[in-house]
C-alpha cells in the first residue's frame, strides 16, 4: 500500500522498516502498524481494537498467560496475528507502549486495566480509579485516553 510494487520494494508496507528487518523481528512486512516502533493496540490485527479481544490479550499477557491460555477465546474471527508466541513477542518488544500510565513498568492491574476500561468506554474518574501506578506520568483520564487513542488506528 505504499505505491511501489512489492517485487522491487524493500519496505512493502512503507513503515520505514525493511522487510528483511521485519522478518528478523517477527513482525508483518505487509502491515505498516506491525513493526518495532509502529505499535497499535489492535493486537490480533483484525482491523479493529476491541475490549474482549485486544484488551483481553494485553491483560492476560500482563498476568503472565502464555500459549493457549493467552489466546483461547480472545482472538477475533478476522484476526491475522493468531499465534500466542507471536503475540507475546509483539507485546514484549513493544513493552514501552503498553506502559499506559507512564510509570516505567507494565502491570495487569494498572496498564491492562486502563486499556480494558478504555475499550469498554469508561471515561473520567471511572477510567482511572484505582488503576494508576505509583510514579505515573500520565495520571488524568484525558491523558490516558489520549495516549491510548494515539495507538489505535481504527476504533470499534
C-alpha atoms as a PDB file:
ATOM      1  CA  UNK A   1       0.000   0.000   0.000  1.00  0.00           C
ATOM      2  CA  UNK A   2       2.971   2.339  -0.250  1.00  0.00           C
ATOM      3  CA  UNK A   3       2.759   2.867  -4.018  1.00  0.00           C
ATOM      4  CA  UNK A   4       5.703   0.701  -5.062  1.00  0.00           C
ATOM      5  CA  UNK A   5       5.498  -2.795  -6.493  1.00  0.00           C
ATOM      6  CA  UNK A   6       6.388  -5.398  -3.850  1.00  0.00           C
ATOM      7  CA  UNK A   7       8.934  -7.190  -6.083  1.00  0.00           C
ATOM      8  CA  UNK A   8      11.146  -4.089  -6.282  1.00  0.00           C
ATOM      9  CA  UNK A   9      10.334  -2.755  -2.830  1.00  0.00           C
ATOM     10  CA  UNK A  10      12.432  -3.491   0.260  1.00  0.00           C
ATOM     11  CA  UNK A  11       9.739  -1.950   2.516  1.00  0.00           C
ATOM     12  CA  UNK A  12       6.408  -3.278   1.229  1.00  0.00           C
ATOM     13  CA  UNK A  13       4.216  -1.568   3.827  1.00  0.00           C
ATOM     14  CA  UNK A  14       6.013   1.797   3.887  1.00  0.00           C
ATOM     15  CA  UNK A  15       6.647   1.826   7.631  1.00  0.00           C
ATOM     16  CA  UNK A  16      10.333   2.722   7.162  1.00  0.00           C
ATOM     17  CA  UNK A  17      11.436  -0.694   8.428  1.00  0.00           C
ATOM     18  CA  UNK A  18      12.833  -3.035   5.786  1.00  0.00           C
ATOM     19  CA  UNK A  19      11.057  -6.291   5.021  1.00  0.00           C
ATOM     20  CA  UNK A  20      14.253  -8.139   5.967  1.00  0.00           C
ATOM     21  CA  UNK A  21      14.359  -6.459   9.387  1.00  0.00           C
ATOM     22  CA  UNK A  22      10.677  -7.199   9.969  1.00  0.00           C
ATOM     23  CA  UNK A  23      11.344 -10.871   9.201  1.00  0.00           C
ATOM     24  CA  UNK A  24      14.072 -10.846  11.856  1.00  0.00           C
ATOM     25  CA  UNK A  25      11.767  -9.040  14.313  1.00  0.00           C
ATOM     26  CA  UNK A  26       8.844 -11.394  13.712  1.00  0.00           C
ATOM     27  CA  UNK A  27       6.602  -8.556  12.516  1.00  0.00           C
ATOM     28  CA  UNK A  28       4.427  -8.393   9.373  1.00  0.00           C
ATOM     29  CA  UNK A  29       6.170  -6.685   6.424  1.00  0.00           C
ATOM     30  CA  UNK A  30       2.768  -6.057   4.823  1.00  0.00           C
ATOM     31  CA  UNK A  31       1.214  -4.238   7.798  1.00  0.00           C
ATOM     32  CA  UNK A  32       2.525  -0.712   8.427  1.00  0.00           C
ATOM     33  CA  UNK A  33       1.365  -0.842  12.052  1.00  0.00           C
ATOM     34  CA  UNK A  34       3.201  -4.072  12.838  1.00  0.00           C
ATOM     35  CA  UNK A  35       6.867  -3.248  13.313  1.00  0.00           C
ATOM     36  CA  UNK A  36       9.103  -2.423  16.228  1.00  0.00           C
ATOM     37  CA  UNK A  37       8.248   1.182  16.930  1.00  0.00           C
ATOM     38  CA  UNK A  38       4.985   1.050  14.956  1.00  0.00           C
ATOM     39  CA  UNK A  39       2.743  -0.016  17.789  1.00  0.00           C
ATOM     40  CA  UNK A  40      -1.025  -0.396  17.582  1.00  0.00           C
ATOM     41  CA  UNK A  41      -3.355  -1.812  20.230  1.00  0.00           C
ATOM     42  CA  UNK A  42      -5.009  -3.962  17.533  1.00  0.00           C
ATOM     43  CA  UNK A  43      -3.045  -6.883  18.979  1.00  0.00           C
ATOM     44  CA  UNK A  44      -4.676  -9.625  16.903  1.00  0.00           C
ATOM     45  CA  UNK A  45      -4.603  -7.496  13.723  1.00  0.00           C
ATOM     46  CA  UNK A  46      -8.225  -7.808  12.661  1.00  0.00           C
ATOM     47  CA  UNK A  47      -8.722  -4.159  11.726  1.00  0.00           C
ATOM     48  CA  UNK A  48     -10.349  -3.042  14.972  1.00  0.00           C
ATOM     49  CA  UNK A  49      -9.399  -2.659  18.600  1.00  0.00           C
ATOM     50  CA  UNK A  50     -11.859  -4.295  20.979  1.00  0.00           C
ATOM     51  CA  UNK A  51     -12.033  -4.956  24.718  1.00  0.00           C
ATOM     52  CA  UNK A  52     -12.818  -8.668  24.530  1.00  0.00           C
ATOM     53  CA  UNK A  53     -10.026  -9.422  22.060  1.00  0.00           C
ATOM     54  CA  UNK A  54      -7.166  -6.920  22.135  1.00  0.00           C
ATOM     55  CA  UNK A  55      -7.794  -5.648  25.655  1.00  0.00           C
ATOM     56  CA  UNK A  56      -8.098  -9.187  26.966  1.00  0.00           C
ATOM     57  CA  UNK A  57      -4.910 -10.272  25.178  1.00  0.00           C
ATOM     58  CA  UNK A  58      -2.962  -7.428  26.788  1.00  0.00           C
ATOM     59  CA  UNK A  59      -4.433  -8.124  30.227  1.00  0.00           C
ATOM     60  CA  UNK A  60      -3.737 -11.862  30.009  1.00  0.00           C
ATOM     61  CA  UNK A  61      -0.204 -11.192  28.776  1.00  0.00           C
ATOM     62  CA  UNK A  62       0.468  -8.856  31.694  1.00  0.00           C
ATOM     63  CA  UNK A  63      -0.806 -11.533  34.086  1.00  0.00           C
ATOM     64  CA  UNK A  64       1.774 -13.892  32.554  1.00  0.00           C
ATOM     65  CA  UNK A  65      -0.512 -16.110  30.478  1.00  0.00           C
ATOM     66  CA  UNK A  66       1.179 -17.933  27.589  1.00  0.00           C
ATOM     67  CA  UNK A  67       0.270 -20.413  24.897  1.00  0.00           C
ATOM     68  CA  UNK A  68      -3.374 -21.376  24.557  1.00  0.00           C
ATOM     69  CA  UNK A  69      -4.297 -19.692  27.854  1.00  0.00           C
ATOM     70  CA  UNK A  70      -3.266 -16.368  26.315  1.00  0.00           C
ATOM     71  CA  UNK A  71      -5.280 -16.689  23.131  1.00  0.00           C
ATOM     72  CA  UNK A  72      -8.197 -19.028  23.902  1.00  0.00           C
ATOM     73  CA  UNK A  73     -11.435 -17.164  23.189  1.00  0.00           C
ATOM     74  CA  UNK A  74      -9.612 -13.846  22.795  1.00  0.00           C
ATOM     75  CA  UNK A  75      -8.980 -13.710  19.053  1.00  0.00           C
ATOM     76  CA  UNK A  76     -11.382 -12.062  16.617  1.00  0.00           C
ATOM     77  CA  UNK A  77     -12.680 -14.216  13.786  1.00  0.00           C
ATOM     78  CA  UNK A  78     -10.835 -11.989  11.279  1.00  0.00           C
ATOM     79  CA  UNK A  79      -7.569 -11.966  13.270  1.00  0.00           C
ATOM     80  CA  UNK A  80      -4.341 -12.372  11.337  1.00  0.00           C
ATOM     81  CA  UNK A  81      -1.946 -12.446  14.302  1.00  0.00           C
ATOM     82  CA  UNK A  82      -3.010 -15.774  15.777  1.00  0.00           C
ATOM     83  CA  UNK A  83      -0.076 -17.464  17.455  1.00  0.00           C
ATOM     84  CA  UNK A  84       0.453 -16.924  21.179  1.00  0.00           C
ATOM     85  CA  UNK A  85       4.226 -16.764  20.710  1.00  0.00           C
ATOM     86  CA  UNK A  86       3.871 -14.028  18.081  1.00  0.00           C
ATOM     87  CA  UNK A  87       1.501 -12.038  20.308  1.00  0.00           C
ATOM     88  CA  UNK A  88       3.849 -12.427  23.269  1.00  0.00           C
ATOM     89  CA  UNK A  89       6.808 -11.337  21.158  1.00  0.00           C
ATOM     90  CA  UNK A  90       4.895  -8.306  19.850  1.00  0.00           C
ATOM     91  CA  UNK A  91       3.858  -7.205  23.335  1.00  0.00           C
ATOM     92  CA  UNK A  92       7.294  -7.852  24.846  1.00  0.00           C
ATOM     93  CA  UNK A  93       9.009  -5.954  22.019  1.00  0.00           C
ATOM     94  CA  UNK A  94       6.633  -3.023  22.460  1.00  0.00           C
ATOM     95  CA  UNK A  95       6.550  -3.088  26.261  1.00  0.00           C
ATOM     96  CA  UNK A  96       7.140   0.656  26.468  1.00  0.00           C
ATOM     97  CA  UNK A  97       3.913   1.338  24.567  1.00  0.00           C
ATOM     98  CA  UNK A  98       1.946  -0.922  26.919  1.00  0.00           C
ATOM     99  CA  UNK A  99       3.059   1.247  29.867  1.00  0.00           C
ATOM    100  CA  UNK A 100      -0.126   3.301  29.610  1.00  0.00           C
ATOM    101  CA  UNK A 101       0.283   5.263  32.844  1.00  0.00           C
ATOM    102  CA  UNK A 102       3.935   6.040  32.060  1.00  0.00           C
ATOM    103  CA  UNK A 103       5.479   4.842  35.319  1.00  0.00           C
ATOM    104  CA  UNK A 104       8.186   2.707  33.700  1.00  0.00           C
ATOM    105  CA  UNK A 105       6.556  -0.673  34.316  1.00  0.00           C
ATOM    106  CA  UNK A 106       3.775  -2.704  32.763  1.00  0.00           C
ATOM    107  CA  UNK A 107       1.289  -4.275  35.125  1.00  0.00           C
ATOM    108  CA  UNK A 108      -2.035  -6.030  34.676  1.00  0.00           C
ATOM    109  CA  UNK A 109      -3.899  -4.105  37.362  1.00  0.00           C
ATOM    110  CA  UNK A 110      -2.769  -0.712  36.122  1.00  0.00           C
ATOM    111  CA  UNK A 111      -1.916  -0.659  32.403  1.00  0.00           C
ATOM    112  CA  UNK A 112      -4.010  -3.682  31.470  1.00  0.00           C
ATOM    113  CA  UNK A 113      -6.985  -2.421  33.421  1.00  0.00           C
ATOM    114  CA  UNK A 114      -6.690   1.076  31.948  1.00  0.00           C
ATOM    115  CA  UNK A 115      -6.730  -0.329  28.418  1.00  0.00           C
ATOM    116  CA  UNK A 116      -9.644  -2.645  29.107  1.00  0.00           C
ATOM    117  CA  UNK A 117     -11.692   0.103  30.770  1.00  0.00           C
ATOM    118  CA  UNK A 118     -10.987   2.492  27.901  1.00  0.00           C
ATOM    119  CA  UNK A 119     -12.007  -0.079  25.301  1.00  0.00           C
ATOM    120  CA  UNK A 120     -15.240  -0.700  27.213  1.00  0.00           C
ATOM    121  CA  UNK A 121     -15.930   3.047  27.009  1.00  0.00           C
ATOM    122  CA  UNK A 122     -15.138   4.133  30.566  1.00  0.00           C
ATOM    123  CA  UNK A 123     -14.292   7.824  30.888  1.00  0.00           C
ATOM    124  CA  UNK A 124     -13.368  10.304  33.588  1.00  0.00           C
ATOM    125  CA  UNK A 125     -12.920   9.030  37.122  1.00  0.00           C
ATOM    126  CA  UNK A 126     -14.267   5.559  36.290  1.00  0.00           C
ATOM    127  CA  UNK A 127     -11.454   5.099  33.750  1.00  0.00           C
ATOM    128  CA  UNK A 128      -8.618   5.776  36.174  1.00  0.00           C
ATOM    129  CA  UNK A 129      -9.966   5.000  39.682  1.00  0.00           C
ATOM    130  CA  UNK A 130      -7.511   2.668  41.421  1.00  0.00           C
ATOM    131  CA  UNK A 131      -5.662   1.918  38.186  1.00  0.00           C
ATOM    132  CA  UNK A 132      -2.845   4.480  38.090  1.00  0.00           C
ATOM    133  CA  UNK A 133       0.516   3.091  39.154  1.00  0.00           C
ATOM    134  CA  UNK A 134       2.912   4.666  41.621  1.00  0.00           C
ATOM    135  CA  UNK A 135       5.156   7.211  39.906  1.00  0.00           C
ATOM    136  CA  UNK A 136       2.900   7.526  36.861  1.00  0.00           C
ATOM    137  CA  UNK A 137       3.471  10.416  34.474  1.00  0.00           C
ATOM    138  CA  UNK A 138       0.012  10.107  32.906  1.00  0.00           C
ATOM    139  CA  UNK A 139      -2.478  10.474  35.737  1.00  0.00           C
ATOM    140  CA  UNK A 140      -5.644  12.054  34.346  1.00  0.00           C
ATOM    141  CA  UNK A 141      -8.380  10.364  32.364  1.00  0.00           C
ATOM    142  CA  UNK A 142      -7.745  12.723  29.440  1.00  0.00           C
ATOM    143  CA  UNK A 143      -4.024  11.879  29.371  1.00  0.00           C
ATOM    144  CA  UNK A 144      -4.768   8.148  29.464  1.00  0.00           C
ATOM    145  CA  UNK A 145      -7.443   8.413  26.780  1.00  0.00           C
ATOM    146  CA  UNK A 146      -5.183  10.468  24.500  1.00  0.00           C
ATOM    147  CA  UNK A 147      -2.277   8.076  24.971  1.00  0.00           C
ATOM    148  CA  UNK A 148      -4.347   5.003  24.102  1.00  0.00           C
ATOM    149  CA  UNK A 149      -6.188   6.658  21.199  1.00  0.00           C
ATOM    150  CA  UNK A 150      -2.867   7.664  19.630  1.00  0.00           C
ATOM    151  CA  UNK A 151      -2.108   3.924  19.397  1.00  0.00           C
ATOM    152  CA  UNK A 152      -5.412   2.853  17.861  1.00  0.00           C
ATOM    153  CA  UNK A 153      -5.754   3.229  14.125  1.00  0.00           C
ATOM    154  CA  UNK A 154      -9.338   2.004  13.927  1.00  0.00           C
ATOM    155  CA  UNK A 155     -11.986   2.294  16.604  1.00  0.00           C
ATOM    156  CA  UNK A 156     -14.569  -0.419  17.025  1.00  0.00           C
END
